Amino acid sequence: MIPRLIFSSEAPAPVGPYSQAVECGNLIFISGQIALDKDTSEVIGSTLKEQTRAALKNLKAILTSQGLTSGSLVKTTVFLRDIGAFGDFNQIYQEELGDARPARSVVEVSGLPKNVLVEIEAVACR
């Protein structure tokens, strides 16, 4: 099986030597998404809630480009700068993903690209 690289113009372009997502078989591995504006690559929002909503918007844009929805997500990994803000994160995550309930890990990290507050990576299934 040869992996297929995925690119959506509706999500920020990668800022390094990686792909927005890679499909292998019926799985799509979505690189970590942060709160970047797709046109300017500037950080969107200053609060965790704003940045979570923007990161999930980017993640969902990649899903949509493949004809998928949040219901296709099987696993997310979330990196938070402050685990103490988990409640705020969880509120927006639930609002944005609706009834989707992928498996999930949430970890606190000391730093993220562009000094954002959250990064979310995911695996989806066709």
Protein backbone atom coordinates (compact mmCIF):
# COMPACT_ATOMS: atom_id res chain seq x y z
CA MET A 1 0.00 0.00 0.00
CA ILE A 2 1.37 3.39 -1.00
CA PRO A 3 0.43 6.32 1.25
CA ARG A 4 -1.34 9.25 -0.44
CA LEU A 5 -0.57 12.82 0.64
CA ILE A 6 -3.56 15.06 1.32
CA PHE A 7 -3.73 18.83 0.95
CA SER A 8 -6.69 21.14 1.48
CA SER A 9 -6.57 24.80 0.51
CA GLU A 10 -9.17 25.40 3.24
CA ALA A 11 -6.62 24.65 6.00
CA PRO A 12 -3.24 26.27 6.67
CA ALA A 13 -0.37 24.99 4.57
CA PRO A 14 2.27 23.02 6.46
CA VAL A 15 5.02 25.20 7.93
CA GLY A 16 7.64 22.47 7.69
CA PRO A 17 8.57 19.26 5.85
CA TYR A 18 5.33 17.36 6.52
CA SER A 19 1.85 16.92 5.03
CA GLN A 20 -1.50 18.17 6.31
CA ALA A 21 -2.59 14.55 6.23
CA VAL A 22 -1.64 11.18 4.80
CA GLU A 23 -4.02 8.43 3.73
CA CYS A 24 -2.96 4.80 4.04
CA GLY A 25 -5.60 2.19 3.33
CA ASN A 26 -8.84 3.42 4.84
CA LEU A 27 -7.10 5.53 7.51
CA ILE A 28 -6.29 9.23 7.29
CA PHE A 29 -3.63 10.57 9.65
CA ILE A 30 -4.10 14.32 10.17
CA SER A 31 -1.08 16.30 11.34
CA GLY A 32 -1.40 18.47 14.42
CA GLN A 33 -3.60 21.48 13.73
CA ILE A 34 -3.20 24.75 15.55
CA ALA A 35 -5.14 28.02 15.44
CA LEU A 36 -3.66 29.41 12.23
CA ASP A 37 -5.49 31.48 9.65
CA LYS A 38 -5.31 29.58 6.35
CA ASP A 39 -4.52 32.72 4.36
CA THR A 40 -2.10 34.62 6.61
CA SER A 41 -0.64 31.84 8.79
CA GLU A 42 -1.21 34.17 11.76
CA VAL A 43 -2.48 32.80 15.08
CA ILE A 44 -6.24 33.14 15.53
CA GLY A 45 -7.44 34.12 19.01
CA SER A 46 -5.71 34.64 22.31
CA THR A 47 -7.84 32.40 24.55
CA LEU A 48 -7.86 28.62 24.71
CA LYS A 49 -11.51 28.55 23.64
CA GLU A 50 -10.84 30.68 20.55
CA GLN A 51 -7.76 28.69 19.61
CA THR A 52 -9.49 25.33 20.15
CA ARG A 53 -12.35 26.38 17.87
CA ALA A 54 -9.89 27.54 15.18
CA ALA A 55 -7.74 24.38 15.40
CA LEU A 56 -10.84 22.19 15.07
CA LYS A 57 -12.03 24.28 12.12
CA ASN A 58 -8.74 23.52 10.36
CA LEU A 59 -8.97 19.83 11.22
CA LYS A 60 -12.55 19.66 9.94
CA ALA A 61 -11.52 21.44 6.71
CA ILE A 62 -9.12 18.61 5.99
CA LEU A 63 -11.84 16.04 6.73
CA THR A 64 -14.30 17.88 4.49
CA SER A 65 -11.79 17.96 1.64
CA GLN A 66 -11.94 14.16 1.72
CA GLY A 67 -15.73 13.96 1.91
CA LEU A 68 -15.62 13.10 5.61
CA THR A 69 -17.12 14.56 8.78
CA SER A 70 -16.26 14.59 12.47
CA GLY A 71 -18.11 11.27 12.67
CA SER A 72 -15.19 9.72 10.74
CA LEU A 73 -12.72 10.50 13.52
CA VAL A 74 -11.46 7.44 15.41
CA LYS A 75 -8.71 9.04 17.55
CA THR A 76 -7.56 12.49 18.53
CA THR A 77 -4.49 13.52 20.46
CA VAL A 78 -4.64 16.91 22.13
CA PHE A 79 -1.67 18.91 23.39
CA LEU A 80 -2.52 21.65 25.92
CA ARG A 81 -0.15 24.24 27.31
CA ASP A 82 -2.16 24.23 30.58
CA ILE A 83 -4.05 21.11 31.64
CA GLY A 84 -5.81 23.33 34.18
CA ALA A 85 -7.79 24.76 31.25
CA PHE A 86 -9.13 21.30 30.35
CA GLY A 87 -12.73 22.33 31.11
CA ASP A 88 -12.64 25.23 28.66
CA PHE A 89 -11.07 22.99 26.02
CA ASN A 90 -13.58 20.20 26.58
CA GLN A 91 -16.55 22.58 26.24
CA ILE A 92 -15.48 23.76 22.77
CA TYR A 93 -14.39 20.25 21.70
CA GLN A 94 -17.86 18.92 22.49
CA GLU A 95 -19.60 21.85 20.77
CA GLU A 96 -17.50 21.47 17.62
CA LEU A 97 -17.58 17.66 17.36
CA GLY A 98 -21.22 17.19 18.30
CA ASP A 99 -22.08 13.52 18.68
CA ALA A 100 -18.68 12.31 17.46
CA ARG A 101 -16.85 10.51 20.25
CA PRO A 102 -13.42 9.44 18.96
CA ALA A 103 -10.93 7.90 21.35
CA ARG A 104 -8.84 10.72 22.80
CA SER A 105 -5.67 11.51 24.71
CA VAL A 106 -5.02 14.92 26.26
CA VAL A 107 -1.56 15.84 27.52
CA GLU A 108 0.04 18.97 28.90
CA VAL A 109 3.13 20.21 27.09
CA SER A 110 5.63 22.96 27.87
CA GLY A 111 5.42 24.62 24.46
CA LEU A 112 3.76 24.49 21.05
CA PRO A 113 4.48 26.04 17.62
CA LYS A 114 3.92 29.80 17.45
CA ASN A 115 3.35 29.72 21.21
CA VAL A 116 -0.27 28.59 20.77
CA LEU A 117 -2.29 27.09 23.62
CA VAL A 118 -3.54 23.91 21.90
CA GLU A 119 -2.67 21.52 19.08
CA ILE A 120 -4.91 18.68 17.88
CA GLU A 121 -3.92 15.74 15.69
CA ALA A 122 -6.31 13.03 14.53
CA VAL A 123 -6.88 9.73 12.79
CA ALA A 124 -10.00 9.28 10.68
CA CYS A 125 -11.42 6.24 8.89
CA ARG A 126 -13.16 6.10 5.52
